[in-house]
Amino acid sequence: MILLNPKKHIRKYQDEKSRQIMLKTIEFFENKGLKRIKKDWHEKTWNYDFVNFLKENEIFATLMTPSGYGAEDSRWDTYRNCEFSEITGFYGITYWYTWQVSMLGLGPIWMGSNEEVKHKTAKLLQEGGVFAFGLSEKEHGADIYSSDMMLYPQPDGTYRANGDKYYIGNGNEAALVSTFAKIADTGDYVFFVVNSKHEKYECVRNVVNEQNYVAEYALHDYPITEGDILQKGQKAWDDMLNTINVCKFNLGWGAIGVCTHAFYESIDHAANRNLYGKFVTDFPHVQNLFTESYCRLVAMKLFAERASDYMRSASSDDRRYLLYNPMVKMKVTREGEDIIRMLHDIIAAKGFENEPFFEIAAHEIGMLPKLEGTVHVNMALIVKFMANYFFSPKQYPEIPRRDDASNDSFLFNQGKTKGLSSIQFHDYNIAYNLCDLPNINVFKDQIKSFKKFLIEARPDEKQSKDIDYLLALGEILTLVAYGQLILENKKIFNVEDDLIDEIFDFMVRDFSKYALNIHTKPSNTEKQKDLSLKIIKTPVPNPKRSAKIWKDHVYAMKGQYKLNN
């Protein structure tokens, strides 16, 4: 099964400990039940019960301690971390968020040079600690160049930390908060750790009106020694960006989990609700909305699964993951927003009721595209890859499915964060040429038309400095890479042709939508207008195919899952 069903979780894992972690986590939430989950959500109760469960089962210690620092079965295994992200997201972003921001907090520790702190962290993980990532500030937001948090050198060789941080998940309870700052006398960047329970650490408040605790914290002459410092200088800066590279990947998996749960609930509601003498699922427009939302959800999962393979196989000679990774954060989470919107159109007022899970999904899905860098920040990163992606392919060995039980050590040794425009990719035509299906063929024609646009009417100097224009081009690059990895996973997951062709029905429409966006840019030349218009095409309709997907895949999800009350 491509989509998660907690009642039938029969996925294979390479070791028994991994399987038990997933099954016990599912059991925790199923035993907690929908009413209690919703009660805690409405009352904005922080998830202490979940954190206690994690502690009792040493789950964070197993999943987020790299090999060599914890127990024998502890490792940083992106495959099983994705599984855990999906499962926690399935039951609500609150639970996923505690995991996500702990991972962010751990990144600078495992990437840093302080072995003493690493061993201390491994012990804190075994004791059930959660962690936090002290990066953003109220005055500067995403402008991480302008940090006001300072380390002030003291005559005895120690430091005093002063300043505040904002939007810091787990800042209320973190055993260690990895804090990004500058050294006052040199201006060098620095990462150090502090304890949220220290008397010089002030947890000011929760800055959001949510169940999540997103803290503002302040340090008041907090004493720091060399033993608390993770990294200084350029390496501290690189560790900060590389941590985000690793952890923003989780946002797409949170979206996949939330949307899957919302889908089960929506299909059950619609299939059992009778209006005007018909069940809601008998209406053609409802079937279309369900089928498209299902196809988009399967596409999200296929892409994110394949992107995980590239993350795990990355090396200093193969950094293709730096394109696919921000796409999981940006593209997959936005697809999740579209799915929830379509499902909400179907179930209508039911989506506002305070008892179903859908209320959580509708409220929380919009958070994910806006965390760990906005859509625009990630798209600006992706645009840097456009020239090499389309015009300068490189040969690589084929990447297999990576569900093996191994430690992803390269993620903590990624090196410098510069030189993105020099990264090369394998030829996307390899994946597209494996499939001879009507909508994929239309999609391939659209790619050719877009490449012709880039060759014959590429943006002039002024347009190249126009971020809005570049973002519009980036949407198409993203879509082409999205389809490429979906097709690579077609073979791995043995996805049937009809489902793939139905997925590319919406992909063709999306391509046309993005092309129209380019066409309407006021700075276009006549040639740019003409060539962008030629990209716009319609998918090949196939009512028989669509009816088959509706019957065999979509409607078949009716009655397959319901969270215990």
Protein backbone atom coordinates (compact mmCIF):
# COMPACT_ATOMS: atom_id res chain seq x y z
CA MET A 1 0.00 0.00 0.00
CA ILE A 2 1.35 3.41 -0.97
CA LEU A 3 -0.77 5.34 1.55
CA LEU A 4 -0.57 4.80 5.30
CA ASN A 5 -3.32 2.85 7.02
CA PRO A 6 -2.54 2.53 10.75
CA LYS A 7 -5.06 -0.30 11.14
CA LYS A 8 -3.16 -2.35 8.57
CA HIS A 9 0.43 -1.27 9.09
CA ILE A 10 2.24 -4.15 7.45
CA ARG A 11 5.21 -2.32 6.01
CA LYS A 12 8.48 -4.17 6.14
CA TYR A 13 11.39 -2.83 8.18
CA GLN A 14 14.97 -4.02 8.21
CA ASP A 15 15.01 -4.59 11.96
CA GLU A 16 12.50 -5.44 14.66
CA LYS A 17 13.22 -2.32 16.74
CA SER A 18 12.16 -0.05 13.88
CA ARG A 19 8.95 -2.02 13.37
CA GLN A 20 8.14 -1.86 17.07
CA ILE A 21 8.69 1.91 17.18
CA MET A 22 6.14 2.46 14.41
CA LEU A 23 3.60 0.00 15.83
CA LYS A 24 3.91 1.34 19.38
CA THR A 25 3.51 4.90 18.16
CA ILE A 26 0.37 3.97 16.26
CA GLU A 27 -0.90 2.10 19.33
CA PHE A 28 -0.29 5.17 21.52
CA PHE A 29 -2.43 7.39 19.32
CA GLU A 30 -5.13 4.81 18.68
CA ASN A 31 -5.45 4.24 22.43
CA LYS A 32 -5.52 7.97 23.07
CA GLY A 33 -8.37 8.22 20.59
CA LEU A 34 -10.00 11.01 18.64
CA LYS A 35 -11.92 12.58 21.52
CA ARG A 36 -8.82 13.00 23.68
CA ILE A 37 -6.71 14.22 20.75
CA LYS A 38 -9.36 16.82 19.94
CA LYS A 39 -9.82 17.81 23.60
CA ASP A 40 -6.09 18.48 23.98
CA TRP A 41 -6.08 20.35 20.68
CA HIS A 42 -9.01 22.59 21.61
CA GLU A 43 -7.56 23.28 25.06
CA LYS A 44 -4.09 23.85 23.57
CA THR A 45 -2.54 21.33 25.94
CA TRP A 46 1.11 20.69 25.13
CA ASN A 47 1.80 17.03 24.39
CA TYR A 48 3.44 15.94 27.64
CA ASP A 49 1.77 12.54 27.36
CA PHE A 50 3.40 11.95 23.97
CA VAL A 51 6.79 13.09 25.26
CA ASN A 52 6.48 10.66 28.19
CA PHE A 53 5.65 7.88 25.75
CA LEU A 54 8.72 8.77 23.70
CA LYS A 55 10.83 8.70 26.84
CA GLU A 56 9.54 5.33 28.04
CA ASN A 57 10.32 3.74 24.68
CA GLU A 58 13.56 5.68 23.97
CA ILE A 59 12.18 6.55 20.54
CA PHE A 60 14.04 9.81 19.95
CA ALA A 61 17.21 8.17 21.24
CA THR A 62 16.85 5.36 18.70
CA LEU A 63 15.83 7.48 15.72
CA MET A 64 17.98 10.58 16.18
CA THR A 65 21.27 9.37 17.66
CA PRO A 66 23.83 8.73 14.93
CA SER A 67 25.69 5.43 15.04
CA GLY A 68 28.52 5.41 17.55
CA TYR A 69 26.92 7.63 20.17
CA GLY A 70 23.98 5.61 21.45
CA ALA A 71 22.68 2.06 21.67
CA GLU A 72 23.49 -0.51 19.03
CA ASP A 73 20.19 0.02 17.18
CA SER A 74 20.48 3.83 17.26
CA ARG A 75 21.24 5.45 13.93
CA TRP A 76 20.20 8.40 11.78
CA ASP A 77 18.20 6.56 9.14
CA THR A 78 16.27 8.90 6.85
CA TYR A 79 13.98 6.11 5.65
CA ARG A 80 12.61 5.27 9.07
CA ASN A 81 12.62 8.94 10.10
CA CYS A 82 10.29 9.64 7.16
CA GLU A 83 8.06 6.80 8.33
CA PHE A 84 7.91 8.32 11.81
CA SER A 85 7.21 11.80 10.41
CA GLU A 86 4.32 10.46 8.36
CA ILE A 87 2.81 8.59 11.31
CA THR A 88 3.03 11.51 13.74
CA GLY A 89 1.68 13.88 11.10
CA PHE A 90 -1.23 11.51 10.55
CA TYR A 91 -2.43 12.20 14.10
CA GLY A 92 -1.72 15.93 14.15
CA ILE A 93 0.98 18.49 13.52
CA THR A 94 1.43 19.07 17.27
CA TYR A 95 3.05 15.64 17.67
CA TRP A 96 5.00 15.91 14.44
CA TYR A 97 6.23 19.39 15.47
CA THR A 98 7.80 18.19 18.72
CA TRP A 99 9.76 15.67 16.66
CA GLN A 100 10.63 18.16 13.91
CA VAL A 101 12.03 20.91 16.12
CA SER A 102 13.95 18.37 18.20
CA MET A 103 15.62 17.23 14.99
CA LEU A 104 16.47 20.84 14.14
CA GLY A 105 18.00 21.32 17.57
CA LEU A 106 20.09 18.19 17.19
CA GLY A 107 21.46 19.10 13.76
CA PRO A 108 24.11 21.62 14.89
CA ILE A 109 25.17 19.26 17.68
CA TRP A 110 25.82 16.27 15.45
CA MET A 111 27.37 18.47 12.74
CA GLY A 112 29.58 20.35 15.20
CA SER A 113 33.03 19.54 16.53
CA ASN A 114 32.22 19.26 20.24
CA GLU A 115 32.44 15.58 21.10
CA GLU A 116 31.70 16.23 24.77
CA VAL A 117 28.33 17.78 23.91
CA LYS A 118 27.59 14.94 21.49
CA HIS A 119 27.98 12.31 24.19
CA LYS A 120 26.00 14.46 26.63
CA THR A 121 23.25 14.78 24.01
CA ALA A 122 23.11 11.01 23.48
CA LYS A 123 22.57 10.59 27.23
CA LEU A 124 19.86 13.28 27.27
CA LEU A 125 18.10 11.54 24.39
CA GLN A 126 18.12 8.27 26.30
CA GLU A 127 16.61 10.14 29.25
CA GLY A 128 13.75 11.34 27.05
CA GLY A 129 14.85 14.90 26.36
CA VAL A 130 13.43 17.07 23.59
CA PHE A 131 15.48 19.72 21.81
CA ALA A 132 15.15 23.15 20.19
CA PHE A 133 16.78 25.22 17.45
CA GLY A 134 17.40 28.84 18.45
CA LEU A 135 17.80 30.62 15.12
CA SER A 136 15.15 33.22 14.23
CA GLU A 137 14.63 36.51 16.05
CA LYS A 138 11.60 38.74 16.43
CA GLU A 139 13.21 41.77 14.82
CA HIS A 140 14.82 39.94 11.91
CA GLY A 141 12.67 36.91 11.11
CA ALA A 142 14.27 34.99 8.24
CA ASP A 143 17.12 37.52 7.96
CA ILE A 144 19.62 35.25 9.66
CA TYR A 145 22.54 37.52 8.74
CA SER A 146 21.33 40.06 11.31
CA SER A 147 21.43 38.07 14.55
CA ASP A 148 21.39 40.22 17.70
CA MET A 149 22.10 37.28 20.02
CA MET A 150 25.67 37.87 21.23
CA LEU A 151 28.41 36.04 23.08
CA TYR A 152 30.47 38.51 25.09
CA PRO A 153 34.02 37.30 25.88
CA GLN A 154 35.05 37.49 29.54
CA PRO A 155 38.57 37.98 30.98
CA ASP A 156 38.68 34.38 32.23
CA GLY A 157 38.11 32.93 28.75
CA THR A 158 34.39 32.26 29.23
CA TYR A 159 31.46 34.13 27.69
CA ARG A 160 28.15 35.69 28.65
CA ALA A 161 25.25 35.20 26.26
CA ASN A 162 22.69 37.97 25.88
CA GLY A 163 19.81 38.36 23.47
CA ASP A 164 16.51 36.78 22.54
CA LYS A 165 15.11 34.31 20.04
CA TYR A 166 11.62 34.01 18.58
CA TYR A 167 9.50 31.24 16.99
CA ILE A 168 11.44 28.50 18.80
CA GLY A 169 9.54 25.21 19.04
CA ASN A 170 10.09 23.21 22.25
CA GLY A 171 11.69 26.30 23.80
CA ASN A 172 9.61 25.64 26.91
CA GLU A 173 11.03 22.19 27.72
CA ALA A 174 14.18 21.61 25.68
CA ALA A 175 17.02 19.78 27.40
CA LEU A 176 19.36 21.67 25.09
CA VAL A 177 18.65 24.62 22.81
CA SER A 178 21.17 24.97 19.98
CA THR A 179 21.52 28.75 19.77
CA PHE A 180 22.91 30.68 16.80
CA ALA A 181 24.67 33.95 17.58
CA LYS A 182 27.66 36.17 16.91
CA ILE A 183 30.77 36.70 19.02
CA ALA A 184 30.67 40.33 20.08
CA ASP A 185 34.31 41.32 19.53
CA THR A 186 34.90 39.55 16.20
CA GLY A 187 31.45 39.28 14.62
CA ASP A 188 32.10 35.58 13.94
CA TYR A 189 29.11 33.27 13.85
CA VAL A 190 28.82 30.75 16.67
CA PHE A 191 26.58 27.90 17.76
CA PHE A 192 26.32 27.03 21.46
CA VAL A 193 23.90 25.09 23.66
CA VAL A 194 21.83 26.26 26.62
CA ASN A 195 19.39 24.55 28.99
CA SER A 196 15.80 25.81 29.06
CA LYS A 197 15.67 25.25 32.83
CA HIS A 198 18.75 27.36 33.64
CA GLU A 199 18.11 30.41 35.84
CA LYS A 200 19.59 32.72 33.18
CA TYR A 201 17.24 31.33 30.52
CA GLU A 202 13.87 33.07 30.38
CA CYS A 203 11.04 31.39 28.50
CA VAL A 204 9.09 34.57 27.83
CA ARG A 205 5.91 33.20 26.28
CA ASN A 206 4.28 31.05 23.65
CA VAL A 207 4.05 33.41 20.68
CA VAL A 208 1.28 31.47 18.89
CA ASN A 209 -2.27 30.63 19.90
CA GLU A 210 -1.81 26.94 19.22
CA GLN A 211 -1.30 23.61 20.96
CA ASN A 212 2.33 23.77 19.81
CA TYR A 213 4.66 25.69 22.10
CA VAL A 214 6.57 28.14 19.92
CA ALA A 215 8.67 30.10 22.35
CA GLU A 216 10.19 33.47 22.71
CA TYR A 217 13.19 33.04 24.98
CA ALA A 218 15.84 35.40 26.30
CA LEU A 219 19.31 34.83 27.72
CA HIS A 220 20.41 37.18 30.49
CA ASP A 221 24.16 36.93 31.05
CA TYR A 222 23.90 33.17 30.51
CA PRO A 223 27.35 31.71 31.30
CA ILE A 224 28.95 29.91 28.36
CA THR A 225 32.25 28.02 28.33
CA GLU A 226 34.17 26.49 25.43
CA GLY A 227 32.55 23.23 26.49
CA ASP A 228 29.14 24.63 25.47
CA ILE A 229 30.25 25.85 22.04
CA LEU A 230 29.45 23.61 19.08
CA GLN A 231 31.13 25.55 16.29
CA LYS A 232 32.55 28.96 15.41
CA GLY A 233 33.05 30.91 12.20
CA GLN A 234 32.04 29.87 8.68
CA LYS A 235 31.47 26.28 9.82
CA ALA A 236 28.80 27.49 12.27
CA TRP A 237 27.04 29.23 9.37
CA ASP A 238 27.28 26.14 7.17
CA ASP A 239 26.00 23.92 9.97
CA MET A 240 22.99 26.17 10.37
CA LEU A 241 22.03 25.95 6.69
CA ASN A 242 22.84 22.25 6.46
CA THR A 243 20.65 21.54 9.49
CA ILE A 244 17.75 23.23 7.72
CA ASN A 245 18.57 21.22 4.58
CA VAL A 246 18.16 17.98 6.52
CA CYS A 247 15.13 18.89 8.58
CA LYS A 248 12.88 20.83 6.21
CA PHE A 249 12.48 17.49 4.41
CA ASN A 250 10.14 16.45 7.25
CA LEU A 251 7.54 19.07 6.39
CA GLY A 252 6.39 17.23 3.30
CA TRP A 253 5.99 14.04 5.32
CA GLY A 254 3.91 15.87 7.91
CA ALA A 255 1.64 17.04 5.09
CA ILE A 256 1.36 13.52 3.67
CA GLY A 257 0.28 12.19 7.07
CA VAL A 258 -2.29 14.92 7.73
CA CYS A 259 -3.81 14.65 4.25
CA THR A 260 -4.05 10.86 4.38
CA HIS A 261 -6.03 10.98 7.63
CA ALA A 262 -8.28 13.73 6.28
CA PHE A 263 -8.91 11.69 3.14
CA TYR A 264 -10.10 8.63 5.05
CA GLU A 265 -12.46 10.75 7.11
CA SER A 266 -13.77 12.65 4.08
CA ILE A 267 -14.51 9.60 1.92
CA ASP A 268 -16.37 7.93 4.79
CA HIS A 269 -18.47 11.03 5.42
CA ALA A 270 -19.33 11.60 1.76
CA ALA A 271 -20.01 7.93 0.99
CA ASN A 272 -22.48 7.66 3.86
CA ARG A 273 -24.29 10.99 3.43
CA ASN A 274 -27.45 10.95 1.32
CA LEU A 275 -28.62 14.16 -0.38
CA TYR A 276 -31.44 14.54 -2.90
CA GLY A 277 -31.84 10.77 -3.05
CA LYS A 278 -28.16 10.14 -3.80
CA PHE A 279 -25.04 9.52 -1.79
CA VAL A 280 -22.64 12.42 -2.06
CA THR A 281 -20.10 10.16 -3.75
CA ASP A 282 -22.59 9.53 -6.59
CA PHE A 283 -22.24 13.12 -7.85
CA PRO A 284 -19.78 13.39 -10.78
CA HIS A 285 -18.13 16.57 -9.52
CA VAL A 286 -17.49 14.94 -6.14
CA GLN A 287 -15.94 11.91 -7.81
CA ASN A 288 -13.69 14.24 -9.80
CA LEU A 289 -12.58 16.12 -6.69
CA PHE A 290 -11.91 12.92 -4.78
CA THR A 291 -10.02 11.36 -7.70
CA GLU A 292 -7.81 14.39 -8.20
CA SER A 293 -7.09 14.76 -4.49
CA TYR A 294 -6.23 11.04 -4.29
CA CYS A 295 -3.90 11.28 -7.29
CA ARG A 296 -2.20 14.33 -5.83
CA LEU A 297 -1.75 12.54 -2.52
CA VAL A 298 -0.24 9.44 -4.15
CA ALA A 299 2.04 11.72 -6.19
CA MET A 300 3.20 13.47 -3.00
CA LYS A 301 4.10 10.15 -1.46
CA LEU A 302 5.84 8.76 -4.55
CA PHE A 303 7.94 11.89 -4.95
CA ALA A 304 8.89 12.18 -1.27
CA GLU A 305 9.82 8.48 -1.10
CA ARG A 306 12.13 8.83 -4.08
CA ALA A 307 13.63 12.08 -2.77
CA SER A 308 14.51 10.17 0.40
CA ASP A 309 16.59 7.77 -1.70
CA TYR A 310 18.65 10.68 -3.01
CA MET A 311 19.07 12.12 0.49
CA ARG A 312 20.42 8.80 1.75
CA SER A 313 22.72 8.31 -1.24
CA ALA A 314 24.15 11.84 -1.20
CA SER A 315 27.88 12.48 -1.16
CA SER A 316 30.29 15.31 -1.89
CA ASP A 317 30.15 14.16 -5.54
CA ASP A 318 26.37 13.80 -5.66
CA ARG A 319 24.38 16.67 -4.21
CA ARG A 320 21.23 16.25 -6.29
CA TYR A 321 19.30 16.05 -3.03
CA LEU A 322 19.67 19.82 -2.71
CA LEU A 323 17.05 20.19 -5.46
CA TYR A 324 14.69 17.42 -4.36
CA ASN A 325 14.90 18.25 -0.66
CA PRO A 326 13.45 21.80 -0.82
CA MET A 327 10.81 20.45 -3.19
CA VAL A 328 9.57 18.06 -0.49
CA LYS A 329 9.35 21.06 1.83
CA MET A 330 7.79 23.44 -0.70
CA LYS A 331 5.99 21.50 -3.43
CA VAL A 332 4.66 18.61 -1.35
CA THR A 333 3.31 20.88 1.41
CA ARG A 334 1.53 23.11 -1.11
CA GLU A 335 0.01 20.07 -2.75
CA GLY A 336 -1.27 19.19 0.71
CA GLU A 337 -3.00 22.57 0.92
CA ASP A 338 -4.71 21.90 -2.42
CA ILE A 339 -5.88 18.47 -1.26
CA ILE A 340 -7.40 19.76 1.97
CA ARG A 341 -9.11 22.55 0.04
CA MET A 342 -10.67 20.03 -2.39
CA LEU A 343 -11.75 17.71 0.41
CA HIS A 344 -13.23 20.66 2.27
CA ASP A 345 -15.22 21.59 -0.84
CA ILE A 346 -16.71 18.08 -0.72
CA ILE A 347 -17.56 17.77 2.98
CA ALA A 348 -18.41 21.48 3.29
CA ALA A 349 -19.74 22.44 6.73
CA LYS A 350 -18.62 19.12 8.20
CA GLY A 351 -15.07 20.40 7.93
CA PHE A 352 -15.78 23.09 10.54
CA GLU A 353 -17.27 20.78 13.16
CA ASN A 354 -15.37 20.37 16.42
CA GLU A 355 -15.52 16.57 16.69
CA PRO A 356 -13.92 15.22 13.45
CA PHE A 357 -10.17 15.19 12.81
CA PHE A 358 -10.67 17.31 9.70
CA GLU A 359 -10.85 20.49 11.78
CA ILE A 360 -7.22 19.90 12.77
CA ALA A 361 -6.17 19.18 9.19
CA ALA A 362 -7.87 22.27 7.77
CA HIS A 363 -6.31 24.50 10.39
CA GLU A 364 -2.79 23.08 10.41
CA ILE A 365 -2.06 22.24 6.77
CA GLY A 366 -1.37 25.89 5.93
CA MET A 367 1.42 26.07 8.50
CA LEU A 368 3.73 23.66 6.72
CA PRO A 369 4.60 25.65 3.55
CA LYS A 370 5.50 28.60 5.76
CA LEU A 371 7.93 26.85 8.13
CA GLU A 372 11.71 26.37 7.63
CA GLY A 373 11.83 29.04 4.92
CA THR A 374 8.90 30.33 2.91
CA VAL A 375 7.88 28.95 -0.46
CA HIS A 376 9.60 31.94 -2.08
CA VAL A 377 12.88 31.35 -0.24
CA ASN A 378 12.95 27.71 -1.31
CA MET A 379 11.93 28.51 -4.88
CA ALA A 380 14.74 31.06 -5.13
CA LEU A 381 17.08 28.24 -4.13
CA ILE A 382 15.61 25.87 -6.71
CA VAL A 383 15.95 28.37 -9.58
CA LYS A 384 19.74 28.18 -9.22
CA PHE A 385 19.59 24.62 -10.56
CA MET A 386 17.59 25.39 -13.72
CA ALA A 387 20.37 25.73 -16.29
CA ASN A 388 22.17 22.54 -15.33
CA TYR A 389 18.96 20.57 -14.85
CA PHE A 390 17.70 21.25 -18.38
CA PHE A 391 20.90 21.72 -20.37
CA SER A 392 23.87 20.04 -18.68
CA PRO A 393 23.04 16.51 -17.51
CA LYS A 394 25.64 14.25 -15.98
CA GLN A 395 25.82 10.47 -15.83
CA TYR A 396 25.35 8.90 -12.40
CA PRO A 397 24.89 5.32 -11.26
CA GLU A 398 21.21 4.54 -10.77
CA ILE A 399 20.07 5.16 -7.20
CA PRO A 400 18.22 2.13 -5.77
CA ARG A 401 15.44 2.21 -3.20
CA ARG A 402 17.09 3.04 0.12
CA ASP A 403 15.14 1.36 2.90
CA ASP A 404 18.27 -0.34 4.26
CA ALA A 405 19.23 -0.10 7.94
CA SER A 406 22.24 2.19 7.65
CA ASN A 407 23.41 5.44 9.23
CA ASP A 408 23.20 8.49 6.93
CA SER A 409 26.54 9.91 8.03
CA PHE A 410 26.99 12.29 5.08
CA LEU A 411 24.13 14.45 6.30
CA PHE A 412 26.39 15.56 9.17
CA ASN A 413 29.35 16.14 6.88
CA GLN A 414 27.77 18.06 4.01
CA GLY A 415 30.55 20.63 3.85
CA LYS A 416 30.23 24.15 2.51
CA THR A 417 26.88 25.52 1.44
CA LYS A 418 28.12 27.41 -1.62
CA GLY A 419 28.40 26.34 -5.26
CA LEU A 420 24.79 25.29 -5.79
CA SER A 421 24.74 26.43 -9.42
CA SER A 422 27.52 23.95 -10.23
CA ILE A 423 25.51 20.89 -9.15
CA GLN A 424 24.57 18.64 -12.06
CA PHE A 425 21.69 16.20 -12.43
CA HIS A 426 21.03 13.06 -14.39
CA ASP A 427 19.01 13.37 -17.59
CA TYR A 428 15.32 13.63 -16.75
CA ASN A 429 14.50 12.09 -20.15
CA ILE A 430 15.64 8.70 -18.83
CA ALA A 431 12.59 8.53 -16.56
CA TYR A 432 10.15 10.12 -19.00
CA ASN A 433 11.17 7.87 -21.90
CA LEU A 434 10.33 4.75 -19.90
CA CYS A 435 6.62 5.56 -20.20
CA ASP A 436 4.53 5.76 -23.34
CA LEU A 437 1.23 7.00 -21.92
CA PRO A 438 -1.06 9.69 -23.38
CA ASN A 439 -0.73 12.33 -20.67
CA ILE A 440 2.98 11.72 -20.15
CA ASN A 441 3.47 12.29 -23.87
CA VAL A 442 1.60 15.59 -23.63
CA PHE A 443 3.72 16.50 -20.63
CA LYS A 444 6.91 15.70 -22.57
CA ASP A 445 5.75 18.03 -25.37
CA GLN A 446 5.25 20.75 -22.76
CA ILE A 447 8.80 20.23 -21.50
CA LYS A 448 10.14 20.61 -25.05
CA SER A 449 8.15 23.81 -25.51
CA PHE A 450 9.45 25.19 -22.23
CA LYS A 451 13.05 24.40 -23.19
CA LYS A 452 12.47 26.18 -26.50
CA PHE A 453 11.26 29.20 -24.53
CA LEU A 454 14.45 29.13 -22.43
CA ILE A 455 16.66 28.83 -25.52
CA GLU A 456 14.96 31.29 -27.87
CA ALA A 457 13.44 33.79 -25.44
CA ARG A 458 15.38 33.48 -22.24
CA PRO A 459 14.87 36.26 -19.68
CA ASP A 460 16.87 39.41 -20.36
CA GLU A 461 19.11 41.04 -17.75
CA LYS A 462 16.27 42.96 -16.13
CA GLN A 463 13.95 39.94 -16.01
CA SER A 464 16.77 37.83 -14.55
CA LYS A 465 16.86 40.20 -11.58
CA ASP A 466 13.07 40.12 -11.21
CA ILE A 467 12.40 37.54 -8.48
CA ASP A 468 8.73 37.30 -9.46
CA TYR A 469 9.68 36.35 -13.02
CA LEU A 470 12.24 33.79 -11.86
CA LEU A 471 9.78 32.24 -9.41
CA ALA A 472 7.34 31.71 -12.27
CA LEU A 473 10.02 29.83 -14.22
CA GLY A 474 10.93 27.89 -11.10
CA GLU A 475 7.40 26.52 -10.81
CA ILE A 476 7.92 24.68 -14.09
CA LEU A 477 11.37 23.36 -13.20
CA THR A 478 9.84 22.06 -9.97
CA LEU A 479 7.00 20.37 -11.85
CA VAL A 480 9.34 18.63 -14.29
CA ALA A 481 11.55 17.28 -11.48
CA TYR A 482 8.41 16.27 -9.56
CA GLY A 483 7.19 14.17 -12.47
CA GLN A 484 10.64 12.69 -13.00
CA LEU A 485 10.91 11.22 -9.51
CA ILE A 486 7.30 10.02 -9.59
CA LEU A 487 8.12 8.05 -12.73
CA GLU A 488 11.32 6.67 -11.19
CA ASN A 489 9.19 5.33 -8.34
CA LYS A 490 6.62 3.89 -10.72
CA LYS A 491 8.93 0.97 -11.34
CA ILE A 492 9.98 0.58 -7.71
CA PHE A 493 6.39 0.54 -6.39
CA ASN A 494 4.97 -1.17 -9.47
CA VAL A 495 2.33 1.55 -9.92
CA GLU A 496 -0.16 0.70 -12.64
CA ASP A 497 -0.21 2.69 -15.89
CA ASP A 498 -3.77 3.96 -15.44
CA LEU A 499 -2.97 5.57 -12.10
CA ILE A 500 0.20 7.19 -13.46
CA ASP A 501 -1.67 8.54 -16.49
CA GLU A 502 -4.39 9.92 -14.20
CA ILE A 503 -1.70 11.62 -12.10
CA PHE A 504 -0.27 13.24 -15.21
CA ASP A 505 -3.74 14.53 -16.08
CA PHE A 506 -3.41 17.10 -13.30
CA MET A 507 0.31 17.53 -14.03
CA VAL A 508 -0.48 18.66 -17.59
CA ARG A 509 -3.05 21.11 -16.24
CA ASP A 510 -0.60 22.45 -13.70
CA PHE A 511 2.03 22.90 -16.41
CA SER A 512 -0.44 24.94 -18.43
CA LYS A 513 -1.37 27.02 -15.38
CA TYR A 514 2.27 27.89 -14.71
CA ALA A 515 2.86 28.66 -18.41
CA LEU A 516 -0.10 31.04 -18.38
CA ASN A 517 1.43 32.77 -15.37
CA ILE A 518 4.61 33.35 -17.37
CA HIS A 519 2.59 34.50 -20.38
CA THR A 520 0.89 37.26 -18.36
CA LYS A 521 4.10 38.83 -17.01
CA PRO A 522 4.08 42.53 -18.02
CA SER A 523 7.79 42.57 -18.93
CA ASN A 524 7.43 39.89 -21.62
CA THR A 525 8.53 40.47 -25.18
CA GLU A 526 6.19 39.42 -27.98
CA LYS A 527 8.33 36.36 -28.60
CA GLN A 528 8.15 35.38 -24.94
CA LYS A 529 4.39 35.75 -25.01
CA ASP A 530 4.12 33.63 -28.13
CA LEU A 531 6.42 30.84 -26.95
CA SER A 532 4.93 30.68 -23.46
CA LEU A 533 1.46 30.31 -25.00
CA LYS A 534 2.64 27.27 -26.94
CA ILE A 535 3.38 25.47 -23.65
CA ILE A 536 -0.29 25.47 -22.72
CA LYS A 537 -1.94 22.16 -23.54
CA THR A 538 -4.84 20.06 -22.31
CA PRO A 539 -4.64 16.52 -20.91
CA VAL A 540 -5.98 13.56 -22.87
CA PRO A 541 -9.38 12.65 -21.39
CA ASN A 542 -10.18 9.02 -20.73
CA PRO A 543 -13.50 8.54 -18.90
CA LYS A 544 -12.96 4.79 -18.68
CA ARG A 545 -9.58 5.24 -17.02
CA SER A 546 -10.90 7.84 -14.60
CA ALA A 547 -13.86 5.63 -13.67
CA LYS A 548 -11.50 2.75 -13.00
CA ILE A 549 -9.30 4.84 -10.70
CA TRP A 550 -12.40 6.09 -8.87
CA LYS A 551 -13.76 2.58 -8.34
CA ASP A 552 -10.58 0.58 -7.68
CA HIS A 553 -8.52 3.15 -5.77
CA VAL A 554 -10.55 6.06 -4.45
CA TYR A 555 -13.95 4.69 -3.46
CA ALA A 556 -12.16 1.56 -2.25
CA MET A 557 -10.78 3.65 0.64
CA LYS A 558 -14.28 3.90 2.12
CA GLY A 559 -14.44 2.18 5.50
CA GLN A 560 -10.75 1.31 5.52
CA TYR A 561 -9.73 3.46 8.50
CA LYS A 562 -11.32 5.30 11.41
CA LEU A 563 -9.49 6.62 14.46
CA ASN A 564 -10.68 5.07 17.71
CA ASN A 565 -12.92 7.30 19.79
